[in-house]
N, C-alpha and C. Protein backbone atom coordinates (compact mmCIF):
# COMPACT_ATOMS: atom_id res chain seq x y z
N MET A 1 67.45 32.47 -89.40
CA MET A 1 68.13 31.42 -88.67
C MET A 1 68.79 32.01 -87.43
N VAL A 2 68.78 31.25 -86.38
CA VAL A 2 69.33 31.73 -85.11
C VAL A 2 70.84 31.89 -85.22
N THR A 3 71.35 33.04 -84.81
CA THR A 3 72.80 33.22 -84.72
C THR A 3 73.18 33.59 -83.29
N LEU A 4 72.43 34.48 -82.69
CA LEU A 4 72.61 34.80 -81.28
C LEU A 4 71.45 34.21 -80.52
N VAL A 5 71.73 33.76 -79.32
CA VAL A 5 70.70 33.10 -78.53
C VAL A 5 69.70 34.14 -78.02
N ALA A 6 68.43 33.79 -78.13
CA ALA A 6 67.37 34.67 -77.66
C ALA A 6 67.48 34.90 -76.16
N ARG A 7 66.97 36.01 -75.71
CA ARG A 7 66.97 36.32 -74.27
C ARG A 7 66.15 35.27 -73.54
N GLU A 8 66.68 34.79 -72.44
CA GLU A 8 66.02 33.72 -71.70
C GLU A 8 65.10 34.26 -70.61
N THR A 9 64.11 33.45 -70.26
CA THR A 9 63.22 33.83 -69.17
C THR A 9 63.50 32.99 -67.92
N ASP A 10 64.09 31.82 -68.12
CA ASP A 10 64.47 30.96 -67.00
C ASP A 10 65.48 29.93 -67.51
N GLU A 11 65.92 29.03 -66.65
CA GLU A 11 66.93 28.05 -67.03
C GLU A 11 66.47 27.17 -68.18
N ARG A 12 65.27 26.66 -68.11
CA ARG A 12 64.75 25.77 -69.15
C ARG A 12 64.73 26.50 -70.49
N ASP A 13 64.25 27.72 -70.48
CA ASP A 13 64.21 28.54 -71.69
C ASP A 13 65.62 28.76 -72.24
N ALA A 14 66.58 29.04 -71.37
CA ALA A 14 67.96 29.26 -71.80
C ALA A 14 68.53 28.02 -72.46
N LEU A 15 68.33 26.86 -71.85
CA LEU A 15 68.86 25.62 -72.43
C LEU A 15 68.24 25.32 -73.79
N LEU A 16 66.94 25.48 -73.89
CA LEU A 16 66.27 25.24 -75.17
C LEU A 16 66.72 26.26 -76.22
N ASN A 17 66.93 27.51 -75.83
CA ASN A 17 67.39 28.53 -76.77
C ASN A 17 68.81 28.22 -77.27
N TYR A 18 69.69 27.75 -76.37
CA TYR A 18 71.05 27.42 -76.79
C TYR A 18 71.05 26.21 -77.72
N LEU A 19 70.20 25.24 -77.45
CA LEU A 19 70.09 24.09 -78.34
C LEU A 19 69.59 24.53 -79.71
N GLU A 20 68.59 25.39 -79.74
CA GLU A 20 68.06 25.87 -81.02
C GLU A 20 69.11 26.66 -81.80
N ALA A 21 69.94 27.42 -81.11
CA ALA A 21 71.00 28.17 -81.79
C ALA A 21 71.98 27.23 -82.48
N GLN A 22 72.30 26.12 -81.83
CA GLN A 22 73.21 25.15 -82.44
C GLN A 22 72.55 24.43 -83.61
N ARG A 23 71.27 24.13 -83.48
CA ARG A 23 70.55 23.53 -84.62
C ARG A 23 70.58 24.50 -85.81
N GLY A 24 70.39 25.78 -85.51
CA GLY A 24 70.43 26.80 -86.57
C GLY A 24 71.74 26.79 -87.33
N ALA A 25 72.84 26.53 -86.62
CA ALA A 25 74.14 26.46 -87.28
C ALA A 25 74.19 25.30 -88.27
N LEU A 26 73.57 24.19 -87.94
CA LEU A 26 73.52 23.04 -88.85
C LEU A 26 72.70 23.38 -90.09
N HIS A 27 71.52 23.97 -89.88
CA HIS A 27 70.68 24.36 -91.02
C HIS A 27 71.40 25.39 -91.89
N ARG A 28 72.11 26.28 -91.25
CA ARG A 28 72.85 27.31 -91.99
C ARG A 28 73.96 26.67 -92.83
N ALA A 29 74.64 25.68 -92.29
CA ALA A 29 75.71 25.02 -93.04
C ALA A 29 75.15 24.34 -94.29
N ALA A 30 73.88 23.96 -94.25
CA ALA A 30 73.25 23.30 -95.39
C ALA A 30 72.65 24.29 -96.38
N TYR A 31 72.60 25.56 -96.02
CA TYR A 31 71.91 26.55 -96.85
C TYR A 31 72.48 26.58 -98.27
N GLY A 32 71.60 26.39 -99.25
CA GLY A 32 71.97 26.51 -100.65
C GLY A 32 72.71 25.31 -101.23
N LEU A 33 72.91 24.25 -100.47
CA LEU A 33 73.61 23.09 -101.00
C LEU A 33 72.71 22.29 -101.94
N THR A 34 73.32 21.70 -102.93
CA THR A 34 72.60 20.75 -103.78
C THR A 34 72.57 19.40 -103.06
N GLU A 35 71.75 18.50 -103.55
CA GLU A 35 71.70 17.15 -102.97
C GLU A 35 73.08 16.49 -103.04
N GLU A 36 73.75 16.68 -104.15
CA GLU A 36 75.09 16.10 -104.30
C GLU A 36 76.06 16.68 -103.27
N GLN A 37 76.05 18.00 -103.11
CA GLN A 37 76.94 18.63 -102.14
C GLN A 37 76.63 18.17 -100.71
N ALA A 38 75.34 18.00 -100.40
CA ALA A 38 74.94 17.59 -99.05
C ALA A 38 75.48 16.22 -98.69
N ARG A 39 75.80 15.41 -99.69
CA ARG A 39 76.31 14.06 -99.49
C ARG A 39 77.83 13.97 -99.54
N GLN A 40 78.47 15.00 -100.05
CA GLN A 40 79.93 14.96 -100.24
C GLN A 40 80.67 14.96 -98.91
N THR A 41 81.82 14.30 -98.92
CA THR A 41 82.68 14.20 -97.74
C THR A 41 84.06 14.75 -98.10
N PRO A 42 84.21 16.07 -98.16
CA PRO A 42 85.43 16.67 -98.68
C PRO A 42 86.61 16.73 -97.71
N SER A 43 86.39 16.36 -96.46
CA SER A 43 87.51 16.40 -95.51
C SER A 43 88.06 15.00 -95.32
N ALA A 44 89.00 14.85 -94.43
CA ALA A 44 89.61 13.54 -94.18
C ALA A 44 88.63 12.56 -93.53
N SER A 45 87.56 13.08 -92.97
CA SER A 45 86.57 12.21 -92.31
C SER A 45 85.50 11.77 -93.32
N ALA A 46 84.58 10.95 -92.85
CA ALA A 46 83.46 10.49 -93.69
C ALA A 46 82.22 11.33 -93.45
N LEU A 47 82.38 12.54 -92.89
CA LEU A 47 81.23 13.37 -92.55
C LEU A 47 80.78 14.23 -93.72
N SER A 48 79.47 14.32 -93.87
CA SER A 48 78.85 15.22 -94.85
C SER A 48 77.85 16.09 -94.09
N VAL A 49 77.47 17.20 -94.67
CA VAL A 49 76.50 18.08 -94.02
C VAL A 49 75.17 17.34 -93.85
N GLY A 50 74.69 16.69 -94.88
CA GLY A 50 73.44 15.95 -94.78
C GLY A 50 73.51 14.82 -93.76
N GLY A 51 74.63 14.12 -93.73
CA GLY A 51 74.82 13.05 -92.76
C GLY A 51 74.85 13.55 -91.33
N LEU A 52 75.45 14.71 -91.12
CA LEU A 52 75.48 15.29 -89.77
C LEU A 52 74.08 15.66 -89.30
N ILE A 53 73.28 16.23 -90.20
CA ILE A 53 71.90 16.57 -89.83
C ILE A 53 71.12 15.30 -89.52
N LYS A 54 71.31 14.26 -90.32
CA LYS A 54 70.63 12.99 -90.07
C LYS A 54 71.05 12.43 -88.71
N HIS A 55 72.33 12.42 -88.44
CA HIS A 55 72.84 11.90 -87.17
C HIS A 55 72.26 12.66 -85.98
N LEU A 56 72.28 13.97 -86.05
CA LEU A 56 71.76 14.76 -84.93
C LEU A 56 70.26 14.61 -84.75
N THR A 57 69.54 14.39 -85.84
CA THR A 57 68.11 14.12 -85.74
C THR A 57 67.89 12.84 -84.93
N SER A 58 68.65 11.83 -85.25
CA SER A 58 68.54 10.54 -84.57
C SER A 58 68.97 10.66 -83.10
N VAL A 59 70.06 11.36 -82.86
CA VAL A 59 70.57 11.50 -81.49
C VAL A 59 69.58 12.27 -80.63
N GLU A 60 69.05 13.37 -81.15
CA GLU A 60 68.09 14.16 -80.37
C GLU A 60 66.82 13.36 -80.09
N PHE A 61 66.34 12.63 -81.09
CA PHE A 61 65.17 11.78 -80.86
C PHE A 61 65.47 10.80 -79.73
N SER A 62 66.62 10.18 -79.80
CA SER A 62 66.98 9.17 -78.80
C SER A 62 67.07 9.76 -77.39
N TRP A 63 67.80 10.85 -77.24
CA TRP A 63 67.98 11.44 -75.91
C TRP A 63 66.67 11.96 -75.33
N ILE A 64 65.88 12.64 -76.14
CA ILE A 64 64.69 13.30 -75.61
C ILE A 64 63.44 12.41 -75.69
N GLN A 65 63.14 11.93 -76.87
CA GLN A 65 61.88 11.19 -77.01
C GLN A 65 61.98 9.76 -76.46
N THR A 66 63.15 9.14 -76.59
CA THR A 66 63.29 7.78 -76.06
C THR A 66 63.62 7.82 -74.57
N ASN A 67 64.69 8.53 -74.20
CA ASN A 67 65.13 8.53 -72.80
C ASN A 67 64.16 9.25 -71.87
N ILE A 68 63.73 10.44 -72.26
CA ILE A 68 62.87 11.23 -71.36
C ILE A 68 61.40 10.87 -71.52
N ALA A 69 60.91 10.81 -72.75
CA ALA A 69 59.48 10.57 -72.97
C ALA A 69 59.11 9.09 -73.04
N GLY A 70 60.11 8.21 -73.09
CA GLY A 70 59.83 6.78 -73.09
C GLY A 70 59.25 6.23 -74.38
N ARG A 71 59.45 6.93 -75.48
CA ARG A 71 58.93 6.49 -76.77
C ARG A 71 59.91 5.53 -77.44
N THR A 72 59.40 4.79 -78.39
CA THR A 72 60.23 3.90 -79.20
C THR A 72 60.58 4.62 -80.48
N ASP A 73 61.82 4.49 -80.92
CA ASP A 73 62.26 5.10 -82.17
C ASP A 73 62.19 4.06 -83.28
N PRO A 74 61.21 4.18 -84.17
CA PRO A 74 61.09 3.20 -85.25
C PRO A 74 62.25 3.29 -86.24
N ASP A 75 62.96 4.42 -86.25
CA ASP A 75 64.07 4.61 -87.19
C ASP A 75 65.43 4.45 -86.53
N ALA A 76 65.48 3.94 -85.30
CA ALA A 76 66.76 3.78 -84.61
C ALA A 76 67.68 2.88 -85.42
N PRO A 77 68.92 3.32 -85.61
CA PRO A 77 69.84 2.48 -86.39
C PRO A 77 70.22 1.22 -85.62
N THR A 78 70.33 0.14 -86.35
CA THR A 78 70.82 -1.09 -85.74
C THR A 78 72.33 -0.99 -85.61
N GLU A 79 72.89 -1.86 -84.82
CA GLU A 79 74.34 -1.86 -84.65
C GLU A 79 75.04 -2.06 -86.00
N GLU A 80 74.49 -2.94 -86.83
CA GLU A 80 75.07 -3.22 -88.14
C GLU A 80 74.97 -2.02 -89.09
N ALA A 81 73.93 -1.23 -88.94
CA ALA A 81 73.70 -0.10 -89.85
C ALA A 81 74.07 1.24 -89.21
N TRP A 82 74.86 1.23 -88.15
CA TRP A 82 75.18 2.47 -87.45
C TRP A 82 75.83 3.50 -88.38
N GLY A 83 76.68 3.06 -89.29
CA GLY A 83 77.33 3.98 -90.22
C GLY A 83 76.34 4.72 -91.11
N ASP A 84 75.19 4.10 -91.39
CA ASP A 84 74.16 4.76 -92.20
C ASP A 84 73.55 5.95 -91.47
N ASN A 85 73.75 6.02 -90.17
CA ASN A 85 73.25 7.13 -89.36
C ASN A 85 74.00 8.42 -89.67
N PHE A 86 75.12 8.32 -90.36
CA PHE A 86 75.95 9.48 -90.68
C PHE A 86 75.95 9.83 -92.16
N ARG A 87 75.04 9.25 -92.92
CA ARG A 87 74.99 9.58 -94.35
C ARG A 87 73.56 9.49 -94.84
N LEU A 88 73.26 10.33 -95.84
CA LEU A 88 71.94 10.27 -96.46
C LEU A 88 71.90 9.06 -97.39
N LEU A 89 70.88 8.25 -97.23
CA LEU A 89 70.70 7.09 -98.10
C LEU A 89 70.04 7.54 -99.40
N ASP A 90 70.01 6.66 -100.39
CA ASP A 90 69.48 7.02 -101.71
C ASP A 90 68.06 7.56 -101.67
N ASP A 91 67.23 7.05 -100.76
CA ASP A 91 65.83 7.49 -100.70
C ASP A 91 65.62 8.69 -99.76
N GLU A 92 66.70 9.26 -99.25
CA GLU A 92 66.61 10.40 -98.33
C GLU A 92 67.12 11.67 -99.02
N THR A 93 66.50 12.79 -98.70
CA THR A 93 66.92 14.07 -99.26
C THR A 93 67.34 15.02 -98.14
N LEU A 94 68.15 15.98 -98.49
CA LEU A 94 68.54 17.00 -97.52
C LEU A 94 67.31 17.72 -97.00
N GLU A 95 66.43 18.15 -97.90
CA GLU A 95 65.22 18.87 -97.49
C GLU A 95 64.37 18.01 -96.55
N GLY A 96 64.20 16.76 -96.88
CA GLY A 96 63.42 15.86 -96.05
C GLY A 96 64.05 15.66 -94.68
N MET A 97 65.37 15.55 -94.65
CA MET A 97 66.06 15.35 -93.37
C MET A 97 65.99 16.63 -92.53
N GLN A 98 66.11 17.77 -93.17
CA GLN A 98 65.99 19.03 -92.42
C GLN A 98 64.59 19.17 -91.83
N GLU A 99 63.59 18.79 -92.59
CA GLU A 99 62.21 18.86 -92.08
C GLU A 99 62.05 17.91 -90.91
N ARG A 100 62.60 16.72 -91.01
CA ARG A 100 62.53 15.75 -89.90
C ARG A 100 63.24 16.32 -88.67
N TYR A 101 64.37 16.97 -88.86
CA TYR A 101 65.12 17.59 -87.75
C TYR A 101 64.26 18.67 -87.08
N ARG A 102 63.55 19.46 -87.89
CA ARG A 102 62.66 20.49 -87.33
C ARG A 102 61.53 19.85 -86.53
N GLN A 103 60.98 18.76 -87.03
CA GLN A 103 59.90 18.07 -86.30
C GLN A 103 60.40 17.53 -84.96
N VAL A 104 61.57 16.93 -84.97
CA VAL A 104 62.15 16.41 -83.72
C VAL A 104 62.40 17.57 -82.76
N ALA A 105 62.88 18.69 -83.27
CA ALA A 105 63.13 19.87 -82.43
C ALA A 105 61.84 20.38 -81.80
N GLU A 106 60.76 20.43 -82.58
CA GLU A 106 59.47 20.87 -82.04
C GLU A 106 59.00 19.94 -80.93
N GLU A 107 59.18 18.66 -81.12
CA GLU A 107 58.76 17.69 -80.11
C GLU A 107 59.64 17.80 -78.85
N THR A 108 60.93 18.06 -79.05
CA THR A 108 61.83 18.28 -77.91
C THR A 108 61.32 19.44 -77.07
N GLU A 109 60.99 20.52 -77.73
CA GLU A 109 60.47 21.71 -77.04
C GLU A 109 59.24 21.36 -76.20
N LYS A 110 58.30 20.65 -76.79
CA LYS A 110 57.07 20.28 -76.08
C LYS A 110 57.37 19.39 -74.87
N ILE A 111 58.21 18.39 -75.07
CA ILE A 111 58.53 17.45 -73.99
C ILE A 111 59.23 18.16 -72.84
N ILE A 112 60.22 18.96 -73.15
CA ILE A 112 61.00 19.64 -72.10
C ILE A 112 60.13 20.67 -71.38
N ARG A 113 59.32 21.41 -72.10
CA ARG A 113 58.45 22.41 -71.46
C ARG A 113 57.39 21.76 -70.58
N ALA A 114 57.01 20.51 -70.88
CA ALA A 114 55.98 19.82 -70.10
C ALA A 114 56.53 19.16 -68.82
N LEU A 115 57.84 19.07 -68.70
CA LEU A 115 58.41 18.45 -67.50
C LEU A 115 58.14 19.33 -66.27
N PRO A 116 57.83 18.71 -65.13
CA PRO A 116 57.61 19.50 -63.92
C PRO A 116 58.85 20.30 -63.52
N ASP A 117 60.02 19.70 -63.72
CA ASP A 117 61.29 20.39 -63.47
C ASP A 117 62.40 19.64 -64.18
N LEU A 118 63.59 20.22 -64.18
CA LEU A 118 64.72 19.61 -64.88
C LEU A 118 65.53 18.68 -63.99
N ASP A 119 65.09 18.50 -62.74
CA ASP A 119 65.80 17.64 -61.81
C ASP A 119 65.37 16.18 -61.91
N GLN A 120 64.34 15.88 -62.68
CA GLN A 120 63.90 14.50 -62.85
C GLN A 120 65.03 13.69 -63.47
N GLU A 121 65.21 12.46 -62.98
CA GLU A 121 66.29 11.61 -63.47
C GLU A 121 65.76 10.54 -64.41
N TYR A 122 66.63 10.16 -65.36
CA TYR A 122 66.29 9.17 -66.38
C TYR A 122 67.45 8.21 -66.55
N GLU A 123 67.12 6.95 -66.78
CA GLU A 123 68.13 5.94 -67.08
C GLU A 123 68.70 6.21 -68.46
N LEU A 124 69.97 5.95 -68.62
CA LEU A 124 70.61 6.10 -69.93
C LEU A 124 70.72 4.74 -70.59
N PRO A 125 70.84 4.72 -71.91
CA PRO A 125 71.00 3.44 -72.60
C PRO A 125 72.28 2.74 -72.12
N LYS A 126 72.27 1.45 -72.18
CA LYS A 126 73.46 0.69 -71.80
C LYS A 126 74.48 0.79 -72.93
N ALA A 127 75.60 1.42 -72.63
CA ALA A 127 76.70 1.56 -73.59
C ALA A 127 77.97 1.85 -72.79
N PRO A 128 79.11 1.42 -73.28
CA PRO A 128 80.36 1.62 -72.54
C PRO A 128 80.69 3.10 -72.28
N TRP A 129 80.18 4.00 -73.12
CA TRP A 129 80.52 5.42 -72.97
C TRP A 129 79.51 6.19 -72.13
N PHE A 130 78.44 5.56 -71.67
CA PHE A 130 77.47 6.22 -70.81
C PHE A 130 77.69 5.80 -69.36
N PRO A 131 77.47 6.72 -68.44
CA PRO A 131 77.55 6.33 -67.03
C PRO A 131 76.44 5.34 -66.69
N ASP A 132 76.70 4.47 -65.74
CA ASP A 132 75.73 3.44 -65.37
C ASP A 132 74.87 3.92 -64.20
N GLU A 133 74.40 5.13 -64.31
CA GLU A 133 73.51 5.71 -63.30
C GLU A 133 72.64 6.76 -63.95
N PRO A 134 71.48 7.03 -63.39
CA PRO A 134 70.57 8.00 -64.01
C PRO A 134 71.17 9.40 -64.09
N ARG A 135 70.65 10.17 -65.03
CA ARG A 135 71.04 11.57 -65.19
C ARG A 135 69.77 12.41 -65.26
N THR A 136 69.90 13.68 -64.90
CA THR A 136 68.76 14.59 -64.89
C THR A 136 68.42 15.07 -66.30
N ALA A 137 67.22 15.58 -66.45
CA ALA A 137 66.83 16.19 -67.72
C ALA A 137 67.76 17.35 -68.05
N ARG A 138 68.21 18.06 -67.06
CA ARG A 138 69.17 19.16 -67.25
C ARG A 138 70.46 18.63 -67.89
N TRP A 139 70.99 17.55 -67.34
CA TRP A 139 72.22 16.94 -67.86
C TRP A 139 72.00 16.49 -69.30
N ILE A 140 70.85 15.89 -69.57
CA ILE A 140 70.56 15.43 -70.93
C ILE A 140 70.50 16.61 -71.89
N LEU A 141 69.86 17.70 -71.50
CA LEU A 141 69.82 18.89 -72.36
C LEU A 141 71.21 19.46 -72.60
N LEU A 142 72.01 19.53 -71.57
CA LEU A 142 73.38 20.02 -71.73
C LEU A 142 74.18 19.11 -72.65
N THR A 143 73.97 17.82 -72.54
CA THR A 143 74.63 16.87 -73.42
C THR A 143 74.19 17.08 -74.86
N MET A 144 72.90 17.34 -75.08
CA MET A 144 72.41 17.61 -76.44
C MET A 144 73.04 18.87 -77.01
N ILE A 145 73.16 19.90 -76.18
CA ILE A 145 73.80 21.15 -76.64
C ILE A 145 75.24 20.86 -77.03
N GLN A 146 75.96 20.13 -76.19
CA GLN A 146 77.36 19.80 -76.46
C GLN A 146 77.50 18.99 -77.76
N GLU A 147 76.69 17.96 -77.91
CA GLU A 147 76.75 17.10 -79.10
C GLU A 147 76.41 17.90 -80.36
N THR A 148 75.38 18.73 -80.28
CA THR A 148 74.96 19.51 -81.45
C THR A 148 76.02 20.54 -81.80
N ALA A 149 76.60 21.20 -80.81
CA ALA A 149 77.65 22.19 -81.07
C ALA A 149 78.88 21.54 -81.70
N ARG A 150 79.27 20.37 -81.21
CA ARG A 150 80.43 19.66 -81.77
C ARG A 150 80.20 19.40 -83.26
N HIS A 151 79.02 18.88 -83.58
CA HIS A 151 78.76 18.54 -84.98
C HIS A 151 78.45 19.77 -85.83
N ALA A 152 77.98 20.85 -85.24
CA ALA A 152 77.81 22.10 -85.99
C ALA A 152 79.18 22.60 -86.45
N GLY A 153 80.18 22.45 -85.61
CA GLY A 153 81.55 22.80 -86.01
C GLY A 153 82.05 21.92 -87.15
N HIS A 154 81.75 20.63 -87.07
CA HIS A 154 82.11 19.74 -88.17
C HIS A 154 81.42 20.20 -89.46
N ALA A 155 80.14 20.53 -89.37
CA ALA A 155 79.39 20.96 -90.55
C ALA A 155 79.99 22.24 -91.15
N ASP A 156 80.44 23.16 -90.30
CA ASP A 156 81.10 24.37 -90.80
C ASP A 156 82.34 24.03 -91.63
N ILE A 157 83.14 23.11 -91.11
CA ILE A 157 84.37 22.73 -91.82
C ILE A 157 84.04 22.04 -93.14
N VAL A 158 83.08 21.13 -93.10
CA VAL A 158 82.68 20.43 -94.33
C VAL A 158 82.17 21.44 -95.35
N ARG A 159 81.32 22.36 -94.92
CA ARG A 159 80.76 23.35 -95.85
C ARG A 159 81.85 24.22 -96.45
N GLU A 160 82.77 24.71 -95.62
CA GLU A 160 83.85 25.54 -96.15
C GLU A 160 84.70 24.76 -97.15
N SER A 161 84.88 23.47 -96.90
CA SER A 161 85.65 22.63 -97.81
C SER A 161 84.93 22.42 -99.14
N LEU A 162 83.60 22.46 -99.11
CA LEU A 162 82.82 22.27 -100.34
C LEU A 162 82.92 23.46 -101.28
N ASP A 163 82.67 24.65 -100.73
CA ASP A 163 82.58 25.81 -101.62
C ASP A 163 83.15 27.10 -101.03
N GLY A 164 83.82 27.00 -99.89
CA GLY A 164 84.44 28.17 -99.29
C GLY A 164 83.50 29.04 -98.48
N ALA A 165 82.23 28.71 -98.43
CA ALA A 165 81.27 29.53 -97.69
C ALA A 165 81.47 29.33 -96.20
N ASP A 166 81.80 30.42 -95.51
CA ASP A 166 81.97 30.33 -94.06
C ASP A 166 80.67 30.75 -93.37
N ALA A 167 80.64 30.61 -92.06
CA ALA A 167 79.41 30.87 -91.29
C ALA A 167 78.89 32.28 -91.51
N PHE A 168 79.76 33.29 -91.51
CA PHE A 168 79.30 34.66 -91.67
C PHE A 168 78.70 34.90 -93.05
N THR A 169 79.30 34.31 -94.07
CA THR A 169 78.74 34.43 -95.42
C THR A 169 77.36 33.78 -95.47
N LEU A 170 77.23 32.60 -94.86
CA LEU A 170 75.95 31.89 -94.87
C LEU A 170 74.90 32.62 -94.05
N ILE A 171 75.30 33.26 -92.95
CA ILE A 171 74.36 34.07 -92.17
C ILE A 171 73.80 35.18 -93.05
N ALA A 172 74.69 35.86 -93.75
CA ALA A 172 74.25 36.97 -94.61
C ALA A 172 73.36 36.48 -95.75
N LYS A 173 73.79 35.43 -96.42
CA LYS A 173 73.01 34.93 -97.56
C LYS A 173 71.65 34.40 -97.12
N SER A 174 71.61 33.67 -96.03
CA SER A 174 70.34 33.07 -95.60
C SER A 174 69.37 34.11 -95.04
N SER A 175 69.90 35.25 -94.59
CA SER A 175 69.03 36.29 -94.06
C SER A 175 68.79 37.42 -95.05
N GLY A 176 69.47 37.36 -96.21
CA GLY A 176 69.31 38.40 -97.22
C GLY A 176 70.05 39.68 -96.88
N SER A 177 70.98 39.63 -95.94
CA SER A 177 71.74 40.81 -95.54
C SER A 177 72.90 41.06 -96.50
N ALA A 178 73.27 42.31 -96.61
CA ALA A 178 74.44 42.67 -97.40
C ALA A 178 75.68 42.55 -96.53
N MET A 179 76.77 42.13 -97.14
CA MET A 179 78.05 42.05 -96.44
C MET A 179 79.09 42.80 -97.26
N PRO A 180 79.16 44.11 -97.13
CA PRO A 180 80.06 44.90 -97.99
C PRO A 180 81.52 44.49 -97.88
N TRP A 181 81.94 43.97 -96.73
CA TRP A 181 83.33 43.58 -96.56
C TRP A 181 83.71 42.39 -97.44
N LEU A 182 82.70 41.62 -97.89
CA LEU A 182 83.01 40.50 -98.79
C LEU A 182 83.28 40.97 -100.21
N ASP A 183 82.71 42.12 -100.58
CA ASP A 183 82.86 42.63 -101.93
C ASP A 183 84.16 43.39 -102.11
N ALA A 184 84.79 43.78 -101.02
CA ALA A 184 86.03 44.55 -101.11
C ALA A 184 87.18 43.63 -101.48
N ASP A 185 87.88 43.95 -102.53
CA ASP A 185 89.05 43.14 -102.95
C ASP A 185 90.32 43.88 -102.69
C-alpha cells in the first residue's frame, strides 16, 4: 500500500500519485477489519470506515467520470438517499466496496492520462457549495486529493477508535514489516 508518494515524472503524474497515496490510506484504515467493524461508527460522527470508502468511490466517480468524461453514474445517490452514500447497505460488503474503489481509481487514471492537458475546463454540478463557473481538470484533481485526504484522516480516527490500530501499525501489518518499537513495553 502506498505510504510515500512515488517519484513524479510531470505534473499530471504527481497529482495522480498524490491521489493514489490518499486512497492507500483509506484501504490501509480498512486493513483486517471485519464486516461488522467496517460498519461501526465509534466516534461522535456517523462515519464508518466502510462508509467513507463508499462515499469516496461515489465522489471520485462523480468528479472524474461524470464531470470530466461526461458519463452517467447509475449508482448516484438521490437527494433522499444521500445519507446512504456514507454507509454500507445490507447487500454491500467492505471487500466489494474496496474493489469498486479500485476500479474507479483505474478509470480515473485512464481518463486523466488521456486528457490533452490539465487546463481543459469543465462545468461543475449545480450546488450551493460549488462555484458557478467552469474549473480545470487540474482544479478537479486537486479537489479530489483534498477530499480524499480529509476523509482518510476521518478513517484513521475511526479505525483507532475501533481497535487502537494507528496508521504506522497498519502500514507494518499490511506490508508484513516488523515494528520492534511496538513490542517494547
